[in-house]
């Protein structure tokens, strides 16, 4: 019984990690483009973008090396018993590495 409980916890944690990382990865722009276009697109999607820069190349000439998820804050609203719960994302952050 103890092994079953551990396996359940591990599989639940892995599932949560996959779900939590899937949204920022899907939001990352794909294809060629400069860093400024990528940053602008992510900001238009509601992300707070934190840029990690290597070198002094202007953003409109820089290349995106990686887009990494940051912390997301949300709140869950509830009403009277039997009402539907609603979760609202209040803030989401993403890191963009450029060179």
PDB file of N, CA and C in Angstrom:
ATOM      1  N   UNK A   1       0.821  -1.190   0.000  1.00  0.00           N
ATOM      2  CA  UNK A   1       0.000   0.000   0.000  1.00  0.00           C
ATOM      3  C   UNK A   1       0.863   1.251   0.000  1.00  0.00           C
ATOM      4  N   UNK A   2       1.985   1.203   0.695  1.00  0.00           N
ATOM      5  CA  UNK A   2       2.883   2.346   0.776  1.00  0.00           C
ATOM      6  C   UNK A   2       3.460   2.680  -0.615  1.00  0.00           C
ATOM      7  N   UNK A   3       3.831   1.637  -1.390  1.00  0.00           N
ATOM      8  CA  UNK A   3       4.382   1.861  -2.730  1.00  0.00           C
ATOM      9  C   UNK A   3       3.347   2.504  -3.642  1.00  0.00           C
ATOM     10  N   UNK A   4       2.079   2.112  -3.497  1.00  0.00           N
ATOM     11  CA  UNK A   4       1.013   2.687  -4.310  1.00  0.00           C
ATOM     12  C   UNK A   4       0.856   4.181  -4.028  1.00  0.00           C
ATOM     13  N   UNK A   5       0.939   4.560  -2.778  1.00  0.00           N
ATOM     14  CA  UNK A   5       0.821   5.971  -2.396  1.00  0.00           C
ATOM     15  C   UNK A   5       1.949   6.809  -2.966  1.00  0.00           C
ATOM     16  N   UNK A   6       3.166   6.280  -2.924  1.00  0.00           N
ATOM     17  CA  UNK A   6       4.317   7.001  -3.480  1.00  0.00           C
ATOM     18  C   UNK A   6       4.174   7.129  -4.992  1.00  0.00           C
ATOM     19  N   UNK A   7       3.776   6.056  -5.652  1.00  0.00           N
ATOM     20  CA  UNK A   7       3.601   6.099  -7.106  1.00  0.00           C
ATOM     21  C   UNK A   7       2.532   7.110  -7.498  1.00  0.00           C
ATOM     22  N   UNK A   8       1.477   7.191  -6.723  1.00  0.00           N
ATOM     23  CA  UNK A   8       0.412   8.158  -6.998  1.00  0.00           C
ATOM     24  C   UNK A   8       0.929   9.577  -6.860  1.00  0.00           C
ATOM     25  N   UNK A   9       1.695   9.846  -5.811  1.00  0.00           N
ATOM     26  CA  UNK A   9       2.256  11.184  -5.618  1.00  0.00           C
ATOM     27  C   UNK A   9       3.214  11.562  -6.742  1.00  0.00           C
ATOM     28  N   UNK A  10       4.075  10.635  -7.138  1.00  0.00           N
ATOM     29  CA  UNK A  10       5.042  10.912  -8.200  1.00  0.00           C
ATOM     30  C   UNK A  10       4.333  11.166  -9.522  1.00  0.00           C
ATOM     31  N   UNK A  11       3.372  10.330  -9.882  1.00  0.00           N
ATOM     32  CA  UNK A  11       2.669  10.518 -11.154  1.00  0.00           C
ATOM     33  C   UNK A  11       1.848  11.804 -11.145  1.00  0.00           C
ATOM     34  N   UNK A  12       1.261  12.146 -10.005  1.00  0.00           N
ATOM     35  CA  UNK A  12       0.514  13.397  -9.899  1.00  0.00           C
ATOM     36  C   UNK A  12       1.422  14.605 -10.055  1.00  0.00           C
ATOM     37  N   UNK A  13       2.603  14.548  -9.457  1.00  0.00           N
ATOM     38  CA  UNK A  13       3.566  15.642  -9.577  1.00  0.00           C
ATOM     39  C   UNK A  13       4.061  15.806 -10.996  1.00  0.00           C
ATOM     40  N   UNK A  14       4.332  14.701 -11.676  1.00  0.00           N
ATOM     41  CA  UNK A  14       4.771  14.774 -13.071  1.00  0.00           C
ATOM     42  C   UNK A  14       3.681  15.337 -13.966  1.00  0.00           C
ATOM     43  N   UNK A  15       2.457  14.944 -13.749  1.00  0.00           N
ATOM     44  CA  UNK A  15       1.345  15.462 -14.547  1.00  0.00           C
ATOM     45  C   UNK A  15       1.190  16.962 -14.335  1.00  0.00           C
ATOM     46  N   UNK A  16       1.310  17.422 -13.104  1.00  0.00           N
ATOM     47  CA  UNK A  16       1.194  18.851 -12.814  1.00  0.00           C
ATOM     48  C   UNK A  16       2.324  19.625 -13.476  1.00  0.00           C
ATOM     49  N   UNK A  17       3.520  19.073 -13.481  1.00  0.00           N
ATOM     50  CA  UNK A  17       4.652  19.748 -14.112  1.00  0.00           C
ATOM     51  C   UNK A  17       4.441  19.874 -15.614  1.00  0.00           C
ATOM     52  N   UNK A  18       3.954  18.812 -16.243  1.00  0.00           N
ATOM     53  CA  UNK A  18       3.711  18.859 -17.689  1.00  0.00           C
ATOM     54  C   UNK A  18       2.637  19.882 -18.021  1.00  0.00           C
ATOM     55  N   UNK A  19       1.574  19.895 -17.269  1.00  0.00           N
ATOM     56  CA  UNK A  19       0.483  20.851 -17.516  1.00  0.00           C
ATOM     57  C   UNK A  19       0.958  22.272 -17.255  1.00  0.00           C
ATOM     58  N   UNK A  20       1.708  22.489 -16.203  1.00  0.00           N
ATOM     59  CA  UNK A  20       2.179  23.825 -15.852  1.00  0.00           C
ATOM     60  C   UNK A  20       3.148  24.395 -16.861  1.00  0.00           C
ATOM     61  N   UNK A  21       3.949  23.558 -17.503  1.00  0.00           N
ATOM     62  CA  UNK A  21       4.933  24.041 -18.465  1.00  0.00           C
ATOM     63  C   UNK A  21       4.392  24.090 -19.882  1.00  0.00           C
ATOM     64  N   UNK A  22       3.268  23.475 -20.144  1.00  0.00           N
ATOM     65  CA  UNK A  22       2.742  23.437 -21.506  1.00  0.00           C
ATOM     66  C   UNK A  22       2.235  24.791 -21.974  1.00  0.00           C
ATOM     67  N   UNK A  23       1.602  25.565 -21.127  1.00  0.00           N
ATOM     68  CA  UNK A  23       1.031  26.849 -21.543  1.00  0.00           C
ATOM     69  C   UNK A  23       2.088  27.843 -22.003  1.00  0.00           C
ATOM     70  N   UNK A  24       3.164  28.089 -21.252  1.00  0.00           N
ATOM     71  CA  UNK A  24       4.165  29.031 -21.745  1.00  0.00           C
ATOM     72  C   UNK A  24       4.861  28.531 -22.999  1.00  0.00           C
ATOM     73  N   UNK A  25       5.086  27.222 -23.095  1.00  0.00           N
ATOM     74  CA  UNK A  25       5.735  26.702 -24.285  1.00  0.00           C
ATOM     75  C   UNK A  25       4.853  26.919 -25.507  1.00  0.00           C
ATOM     76  N   UNK A  26       3.566  26.742 -25.364  1.00  0.00           N
ATOM     77  CA  UNK A  26       2.652  26.953 -26.483  1.00  0.00           C
ATOM     78  C   UNK A  26       2.547  28.425 -26.828  1.00  0.00           C
ATOM     79  N   UNK A  27       2.752  29.293 -25.857  1.00  0.00           N
ATOM     80  CA  UNK A  27       2.638  30.729 -26.091  1.00  0.00           C
ATOM     81  C   UNK A  27       3.871  31.295 -26.767  1.00  0.00           C
ATOM     82  N   UNK A  28       4.975  30.569 -26.728  1.00  0.00           N
ATOM     83  CA  UNK A  28       6.216  31.075 -27.311  1.00  0.00           C
ATOM     84  C   UNK A  28       6.084  31.182 -28.822  1.00  0.00           C
ATOM     85  N   UNK A  29       6.468  32.309 -29.382  1.00  0.00           N
ATOM     86  CA  UNK A  29       6.412  32.473 -30.830  1.00  0.00           C
ATOM     87  C   UNK A  29       7.347  31.487 -31.518  1.00  0.00           C
ATOM     88  N   UNK A  30       6.978  31.069 -32.706  1.00  0.00           N
ATOM     89  CA  UNK A  30       7.827  30.148 -33.449  1.00  0.00           C
ATOM     90  C   UNK A  30       8.201  30.772 -34.784  1.00  0.00           C
ATOM     91  N   UNK A  31       9.258  30.251 -35.366  1.00  0.00           N
ATOM     92  CA  UNK A  31       9.703  30.764 -36.654  1.00  0.00           C
ATOM     93  C   UNK A  31      10.703  31.885 -36.497  1.00  0.00           C
ATOM     94  N   UNK A  32      11.236  32.350 -37.633  1.00  0.00           N
ATOM     95  CA  UNK A  32      12.246  33.399 -37.575  1.00  0.00           C
ATOM     96  C   UNK A  32      11.649  34.731 -37.126  1.00  0.00           C
ATOM     97  N   UNK A  33      12.459  35.530 -36.520  1.00  0.00           N
ATOM     98  CA  UNK A  33      12.023  36.843 -36.059  1.00  0.00           C
ATOM     99  C   UNK A  33      13.042  37.387 -35.095  1.00  0.00           C
ATOM    100  N   UNK A  34      13.023  38.678 -34.931  1.00  0.00           N
ATOM    101  CA  UNK A  34      13.988  39.245 -33.999  1.00  0.00           C
ATOM    102  C   UNK A  34      13.425  39.238 -32.589  1.00  0.00           C
ATOM    103  N   UNK A  35      14.291  39.547 -31.642  1.00  0.00           N
ATOM    104  CA  UNK A  35      13.908  39.493 -30.240  1.00  0.00           C
ATOM    105  C   UNK A  35      12.808  40.500 -29.931  1.00  0.00           C
ATOM    106  N   UNK A  36      12.855  41.678 -30.536  1.00  0.00           N
ATOM    107  CA  UNK A  36      11.857  42.705 -30.253  1.00  0.00           C
ATOM    108  C   UNK A  36      10.460  42.235 -30.671  1.00  0.00           C
ATOM    109  N   UNK A  37      10.346  41.555 -31.809  1.00  0.00           N
ATOM    110  CA  UNK A  37       9.054  41.034 -32.251  1.00  0.00           C
ATOM    111  C   UNK A  37       8.528  39.981 -31.275  1.00  0.00           C
ATOM    112  N   UNK A  38       9.409  39.103 -30.820  1.00  0.00           N
ATOM    113  CA  UNK A  38       9.013  38.060 -29.872  1.00  0.00           C
ATOM    114  C   UNK A  38       8.531  38.671 -28.569  1.00  0.00           C
ATOM    115  N   UNK A  39       9.285  39.639 -28.054  1.00  0.00           N
ATOM    116  CA  UNK A  39       8.922  40.295 -26.800  1.00  0.00           C
ATOM    117  C   UNK A  39       7.590  41.017 -26.946  1.00  0.00           C
ATOM    118  N   UNK A  40       7.407  41.733 -28.039  1.00  0.00           N
ATOM    119  CA  UNK A  40       6.152  42.461 -28.269  1.00  0.00           C
ATOM    120  C   UNK A  40       4.966  41.511 -28.349  1.00  0.00           C
ATOM    121  N   UNK A  41       5.149  40.384 -29.028  1.00  0.00           N
ATOM    122  CA  UNK A  41       4.066  39.419 -29.156  1.00  0.00           C
ATOM    123  C   UNK A  41       3.684  38.849 -27.791  1.00  0.00           C
ATOM    124  N   UNK A  42       4.678  38.502 -26.982  1.00  0.00           N
ATOM    125  CA  UNK A  42       4.389  37.949 -25.653  1.00  0.00           C
ATOM    126  C   UNK A  42       3.711  38.986 -24.766  1.00  0.00           C
ATOM    127  N   UNK A  43       4.131  40.241 -24.853  1.00  0.00           N
ATOM    128  CA  UNK A  43       3.486  41.300 -24.072  1.00  0.00           C
ATOM    129  C   UNK A  43       2.043  41.499 -24.514  1.00  0.00           C
ATOM    130  N   UNK A  44       1.783  41.391 -25.817  1.00  0.00           N
ATOM    131  CA  UNK A  44       0.408  41.549 -26.303  1.00  0.00           C
ATOM    132  C   UNK A  44      -0.487  40.397 -25.838  1.00  0.00           C
ATOM    133  N   UNK A  45       0.118  39.254 -25.498  1.00  0.00           N
ATOM    134  CA  UNK A  45      -0.631  38.110 -24.981  1.00  0.00           C
ATOM    135  C   UNK A  45      -0.802  38.187 -23.463  1.00  0.00           C
ATOM    136  N   UNK A  46      -0.317  39.276 -22.856  1.00  0.00           N
ATOM    137  CA  UNK A  46      -0.537  39.494 -21.433  1.00  0.00           C
ATOM    138  C   UNK A  46       0.594  39.076 -20.515  1.00  0.00           C
ATOM    139  N   UNK A  47       1.720  38.691 -21.069  1.00  0.00           N
ATOM    140  CA  UNK A  47       2.849  38.281 -20.246  1.00  0.00           C
ATOM    141  C   UNK A  47       3.661  39.484 -19.784  1.00  0.00           C
ATOM    142  N   UNK A  48       4.192  39.400 -18.554  1.00  0.00           N
ATOM    143  CA  UNK A  48       5.241  40.305 -18.100  1.00  0.00           C
ATOM    144  C   UNK A  48       6.534  39.654 -18.576  1.00  0.00           C
ATOM    145  N   UNK A  49       7.242  40.306 -19.475  1.00  0.00           N
ATOM    146  CA  UNK A  49       8.424  39.716 -20.093  1.00  0.00           C
ATOM    147  C   UNK A  49       9.674  40.227 -19.386  1.00  0.00           C
ATOM    148  N   UNK A  50      10.501  39.291 -18.949  1.00  0.00           N
ATOM    149  CA  UNK A  50      11.792  39.626 -18.366  1.00  0.00           C
ATOM    150  C   UNK A  50      12.853  39.155 -19.356  1.00  0.00           C
ATOM    151  N   UNK A  51      13.678  40.106 -19.816  1.00  0.00           N
ATOM    152  CA  UNK A  51      14.674  39.817 -20.838  1.00  0.00           C
ATOM    153  C   UNK A  51      16.027  39.587 -20.177  1.00  0.00           C
ATOM    154  N   UNK A  52      16.643  38.461 -20.496  1.00  0.00           N
ATOM    155  CA  UNK A  52      18.013  38.155 -20.088  1.00  0.00           C
ATOM    156  C   UNK A  52      18.865  38.293 -21.341  1.00  0.00           C
ATOM    157  N   UNK A  53      19.778  39.252 -21.335  1.00  0.00           N
ATOM    158  CA  UNK A  53      20.506  39.614 -22.548  1.00  0.00           C
ATOM    159  C   UNK A  53      21.980  39.257 -22.414  1.00  0.00           C
ATOM    160  N   UNK A  54      22.552  38.695 -23.492  1.00  0.00           N
ATOM    161  CA  UNK A  54      23.982  38.455 -23.595  1.00  0.00           C
ATOM    162  C   UNK A  54      24.486  39.372 -24.702  1.00  0.00           C
ATOM    163  N   UNK A  55      25.411  40.273 -24.384  1.00  0.00           N
ATOM    164  CA  UNK A  55      25.957  41.195 -25.366  1.00  0.00           C
ATOM    165  C   UNK A  55      25.185  42.505 -25.387  1.00  0.00           C
ATOM    166  N   UNK A  56      25.549  43.338 -26.347  1.00  0.00           N
ATOM    167  CA  UNK A  56      24.959  44.679 -26.444  1.00  0.00           C
ATOM    168  C   UNK A  56      24.193  44.897 -27.735  1.00  0.00           C
ATOM    169  N   UNK A  57      23.895  43.835 -28.453  1.00  0.00           N
ATOM    170  CA  UNK A  57      23.149  43.945 -29.706  1.00  0.00           C
ATOM    171  C   UNK A  57      21.764  44.528 -29.430  1.00  0.00           C
ATOM    172  N   UNK A  58      21.315  45.507 -30.226  1.00  0.00           N
ATOM    173  CA  UNK A  58      19.958  46.038 -30.045  1.00  0.00           C
ATOM    174  C   UNK A  58      18.921  44.923 -30.195  1.00  0.00           C
ATOM    175  N   UNK A  59      17.807  45.030 -29.471  1.00  0.00           N
ATOM    176  CA  UNK A  59      16.789  43.976 -29.492  1.00  0.00           C
ATOM    177  C   UNK A  59      16.246  43.705 -30.887  1.00  0.00           C
ATOM    178  N   UNK A  60      16.145  44.729 -31.734  1.00  0.00           N
ATOM    179  CA  UNK A  60      15.602  44.496 -33.072  1.00  0.00           C
ATOM    180  C   UNK A  60      16.575  43.744 -33.979  1.00  0.00           C
ATOM    181  N   UNK A  61      17.816  43.542 -33.510  1.00  0.00           N
ATOM    182  CA  UNK A  61      18.805  42.763 -34.265  1.00  0.00           C
ATOM    183  C   UNK A  61      19.237  41.505 -33.519  1.00  0.00           C
ATOM    184  N   UNK A  62      18.768  41.348 -32.290  1.00  0.00           N
ATOM    185  CA  UNK A  62      19.162  40.208 -31.460  1.00  0.00           C
ATOM    186  C   UNK A  62      18.345  38.962 -31.814  1.00  0.00           C
ATOM    187  N   UNK A  63      18.862  37.828 -31.414  1.00  0.00           N
ATOM    188  CA  UNK A  63      18.220  36.537 -31.650  1.00  0.00           C
ATOM    189  C   UNK A  63      17.731  35.960 -30.331  1.00  0.00           C
ATOM    190  N   UNK A  64      16.552  35.359 -30.351  1.00  0.00           N
ATOM    191  CA  UNK A  64      16.016  34.703 -29.159  1.00  0.00           C
ATOM    192  C   UNK A  64      16.679  33.342 -29.012  1.00  0.00           C
ATOM    193  N   UNK A  65      17.260  33.113 -27.841  1.00  0.00           N
ATOM    194  CA  UNK A  65      17.920  31.851 -27.553  1.00  0.00           C
ATOM    195  C   UNK A  65      16.956  30.893 -26.864  1.00  0.00           C
ATOM    196  N   UNK A  66      16.142  31.431 -25.944  1.00  0.00           N
ATOM    197  CA  UNK A  66      15.212  30.580 -25.202  1.00  0.00           C
ATOM    198  C   UNK A  66      14.056  31.410 -24.669  1.00  0.00           C
ATOM    199  N   UNK A  67      12.916  30.757 -24.513  1.00  0.00           N
ATOM    200  CA  UNK A  67      11.749  31.342 -23.854  1.00  0.00           C
ATOM    201  C   UNK A  67      11.385  30.372 -22.739  1.00  0.00           C
ATOM    202  N   UNK A  68      11.437  30.883 -21.491  1.00  0.00           N
ATOM    203  CA  UNK A  68      11.223  30.022 -20.329  1.00  0.00           C
ATOM    204  C   UNK A  68      10.047  30.523 -19.507  1.00  0.00           C
ATOM    205  N   UNK A  69       9.266  29.608 -18.941  1.00  0.00           N
ATOM    206  CA  UNK A  69       8.122  30.029 -18.132  1.00  0.00           C
ATOM    207  C   UNK A  69       8.560  30.645 -16.817  1.00  0.00           C
ATOM    208  N   UNK A  70       7.791  31.605 -16.372  1.00  0.00           N
ATOM    209  CA  UNK A  70       7.991  32.202 -15.055  1.00  0.00           C
ATOM    210  C   UNK A  70       6.813  31.853 -14.179  1.00  0.00           C
ATOM    211  N   UNK A  71       6.650  32.591 -13.111  1.00  0.00           N
ATOM    212  CA  UNK A  71       5.574  32.311 -12.174  1.00  0.00           C
ATOM    213  C   UNK A  71       4.251  32.897 -12.670  1.00  0.00           C
ATOM    214  N   UNK A  72       3.177  32.176 -12.450  1.00  0.00           N
ATOM    215  CA  UNK A  72       1.839  32.626 -12.788  1.00  0.00           C
ATOM    216  C   UNK A  72       1.031  32.735 -11.501  1.00  0.00           C
ATOM    217  N   UNK A  73       0.358  33.855 -11.341  1.00  0.00           N
ATOM    218  CA  UNK A  73      -0.490  34.057 -10.168  1.00  0.00           C
ATOM    219  C   UNK A  73      -1.941  34.012 -10.608  1.00  0.00           C
ATOM    220  N   UNK A  74      -2.769  33.337  -9.828  1.00  0.00           N
ATOM    221  CA  UNK A  74      -4.193  33.260 -10.138  1.00  0.00           C
ATOM    222  C   UNK A  74      -4.985  33.277  -8.848  1.00  0.00           C
ATOM    223  N   UNK A  75      -6.276  33.499  -9.003  1.00  0.00           N
ATOM    224  CA  UNK A  75      -7.159  33.444  -7.836  1.00  0.00           C
ATOM    225  C   UNK A  75      -8.375  32.626  -8.219  1.00  0.00           C
ATOM    226  N   UNK A  76      -8.934  31.950  -7.234  1.00  0.00           N
ATOM    227  CA  UNK A  76     -10.121  31.142  -7.447  1.00  0.00           C
ATOM    228  C   UNK A  76     -11.277  31.794  -6.715  1.00  0.00           C
ATOM    229  N   UNK A  77     -12.328  32.080  -7.453  1.00  0.00           N
ATOM    230  CA  UNK A  77     -13.514  32.709  -6.884  1.00  0.00           C
ATOM    231  C   UNK A  77     -14.596  31.662  -6.703  1.00  0.00           C
ATOM    232  N   UNK A  78     -15.336  31.782  -5.621  1.00  0.00           N
ATOM    233  CA  UNK A  78     -16.448  30.873  -5.380  1.00  0.00           C
ATOM    234  C   UNK A  78     -17.607  31.662  -4.818  1.00  0.00           C
ATOM    235  N   UNK A  79     -18.761  31.118  -4.981  1.00  0.00           N
ATOM    236  CA  UNK A  79     -19.959  31.769  -4.471  1.00  0.00           C
ATOM    237  C   UNK A  79     -20.653  30.868  -3.481  1.00  0.00           C
ATOM    238  N   UNK A  80     -21.944  30.840  -3.569  1.00  0.00           N
ATOM    239  CA  UNK A  80     -22.749  30.000  -2.690  1.00  0.00           C
ATOM    240  C   UNK A  80     -22.499  28.527  -3.030  1.00  0.00           C
ATOM    241  N   UNK A  81     -22.789  27.649  -2.108  1.00  0.00           N
ATOM    242  CA  UNK A  81     -22.625  26.225  -2.393  1.00  0.00           C
ATOM    243  C   UNK A  81     -23.388  25.835  -3.659  1.00  0.00           C
ATOM    244  N   UNK A  82     -22.713  25.086  -4.512  1.00  0.00           N
ATOM    245  CA  UNK A  82     -23.336  24.661  -5.761  1.00  0.00           C
ATOM    246  C   UNK A  82     -22.993  25.566  -6.933  1.00  0.00           C
ATOM    247  N   UNK A  83     -22.475  26.764  -6.667  1.00  0.00           N
ATOM    248  CA  UNK A  83     -22.058  27.656  -7.748  1.00  0.00           C
ATOM    249  C   UNK A  83     -20.771  27.131  -8.373  1.00  0.00           C
ATOM    250  N   UNK A  84     -20.534  27.534  -9.581  1.00  0.00           N
ATOM    251  CA  UNK A  84     -19.335  27.123 -10.283  1.00  0.00           C
ATOM    252  C   UNK A  84     -18.143  27.938  -9.803  1.00  0.00           C
ATOM    253  N   UNK A  85     -17.046  27.255  -9.591  1.00  0.00           N
ATOM    254  CA  UNK A  85     -15.807  27.932  -9.222  1.00  0.00           C
ATOM    255  C   UNK A  85     -15.184  28.518 -10.478  1.00  0.00           C
ATOM    256  N   UNK A  86     -14.521  29.623 -10.332  1.00  0.00           N
ATOM    257  CA  UNK A  86     -13.834  30.227 -11.463  1.00  0.00           C
ATOM    258  C   UNK A  86     -12.430  30.621 -11.053  1.00  0.00           C
ATOM    259  N   UNK A  87     -11.471  30.283 -11.886  1.00  0.00           N
ATOM    260  CA  UNK A  87     -10.084  30.661 -11.632  1.00  0.00           C
ATOM    261  C   UNK A  87      -9.695  31.721 -12.643  1.00  0.00           C
ATOM    262  N   UNK A  88      -9.140  32.808 -12.148  1.00  0.00           N
ATOM    263  CA  UNK A  88      -8.721  33.918 -12.989  1.00  0.00           C
ATOM    264  C   UNK A  88      -7.219  34.107 -12.847  1.00  0.00           C
ATOM    265  N   UNK A  89      -6.508  34.137 -13.979  1.00  0.00           N
ATOM    266  CA  UNK A  89      -5.076  34.408 -13.960  1.00  0.00           C
ATOM    267  C   UNK A  89      -4.912  35.908 -13.790  1.00  0.00           C
ATOM    268  N   UNK A  90      -4.202  36.310 -12.751  1.00  0.00           N
ATOM    269  CA  UNK A  90      -4.037  37.729 -12.471  1.00  0.00           C
ATOM    270  C   UNK A  90      -2.695  38.272 -12.945  1.00  0.00           C
ATOM    271  N   UNK A  91      -1.685  37.408 -13.097  1.00  0.00           N
ATOM    272  CA  UNK A  91      -0.366  37.863 -13.526  1.00  0.00           C
ATOM    273  C   UNK A  91       0.419  36.665 -14.024  1.00  0.00           C
ATOM    274  N   UNK A  92       1.103  36.820 -15.147  1.00  0.00           N
ATOM    275  CA  UNK A  92       1.935  35.738 -15.664  1.00  0.00           C
ATOM    276  C   UNK A  92       3.234  36.320 -16.201  1.00  0.00           C
ATOM    277  N   UNK A  93       4.313  35.626 -15.908  1.00  0.00           N
ATOM    278  CA  UNK A  93       5.649  36.093 -16.257  1.00  0.00           C
ATOM    279  C   UNK A  93       6.308  35.075 -17.167  1.00  0.00           C
ATOM    280  N   UNK A  94       7.133  35.568 -18.092  1.00  0.00           N
ATOM    281  CA  UNK A  94       7.894  34.702 -18.970  1.00  0.00           C
ATOM    282  C   UNK A  94       9.279  35.302 -19.154  1.00  0.00           C
ATOM    283  N   UNK A  95      10.296  34.461 -19.252  1.00  0.00           N
ATOM    284  CA  UNK A  95      11.679  34.909 -19.425  1.00  0.00           C
ATOM    285  C   UNK A  95      12.098  34.671 -20.871  1.00  0.00           C
ATOM    286  N   UNK A  96      12.717  35.686 -21.463  1.00  0.00           N
ATOM    287  CA  UNK A  96      13.218  35.574 -22.832  1.00  0.00           C
ATOM    288  C   UNK A  96      14.722  35.808 -22.790  1.00  0.00           C
ATOM    289  N   UNK A  97      15.497  34.813 -23.245  1.00  0.00           N
ATOM    290  CA  UNK A  97      16.943  34.935 -23.313  1.00  0.00           C
ATOM    291  C   UNK A  97      17.322  35.329 -24.740  1.00  0.00           C
ATOM    292  N   UNK A  98      18.101  36.401 -24.880  1.00  0.00           N
ATOM    293  CA  UNK A  98      18.485  36.885 -26.207  1.00  0.00           C
ATOM    294  C   UNK A  98      20.003  37.074 -26.268  1.00  0.00           C
ATOM    295  N   UNK A  99      20.540  36.983 -27.514  1.00  0.00           N
ATOM    296  CA  UNK A  99      21.963  37.272 -27.718  1.00  0.00           C
ATOM    297  C   UNK A  99      22.142  37.990 -29.025  1.00  0.00           C
TER     298      UNK A  99
END
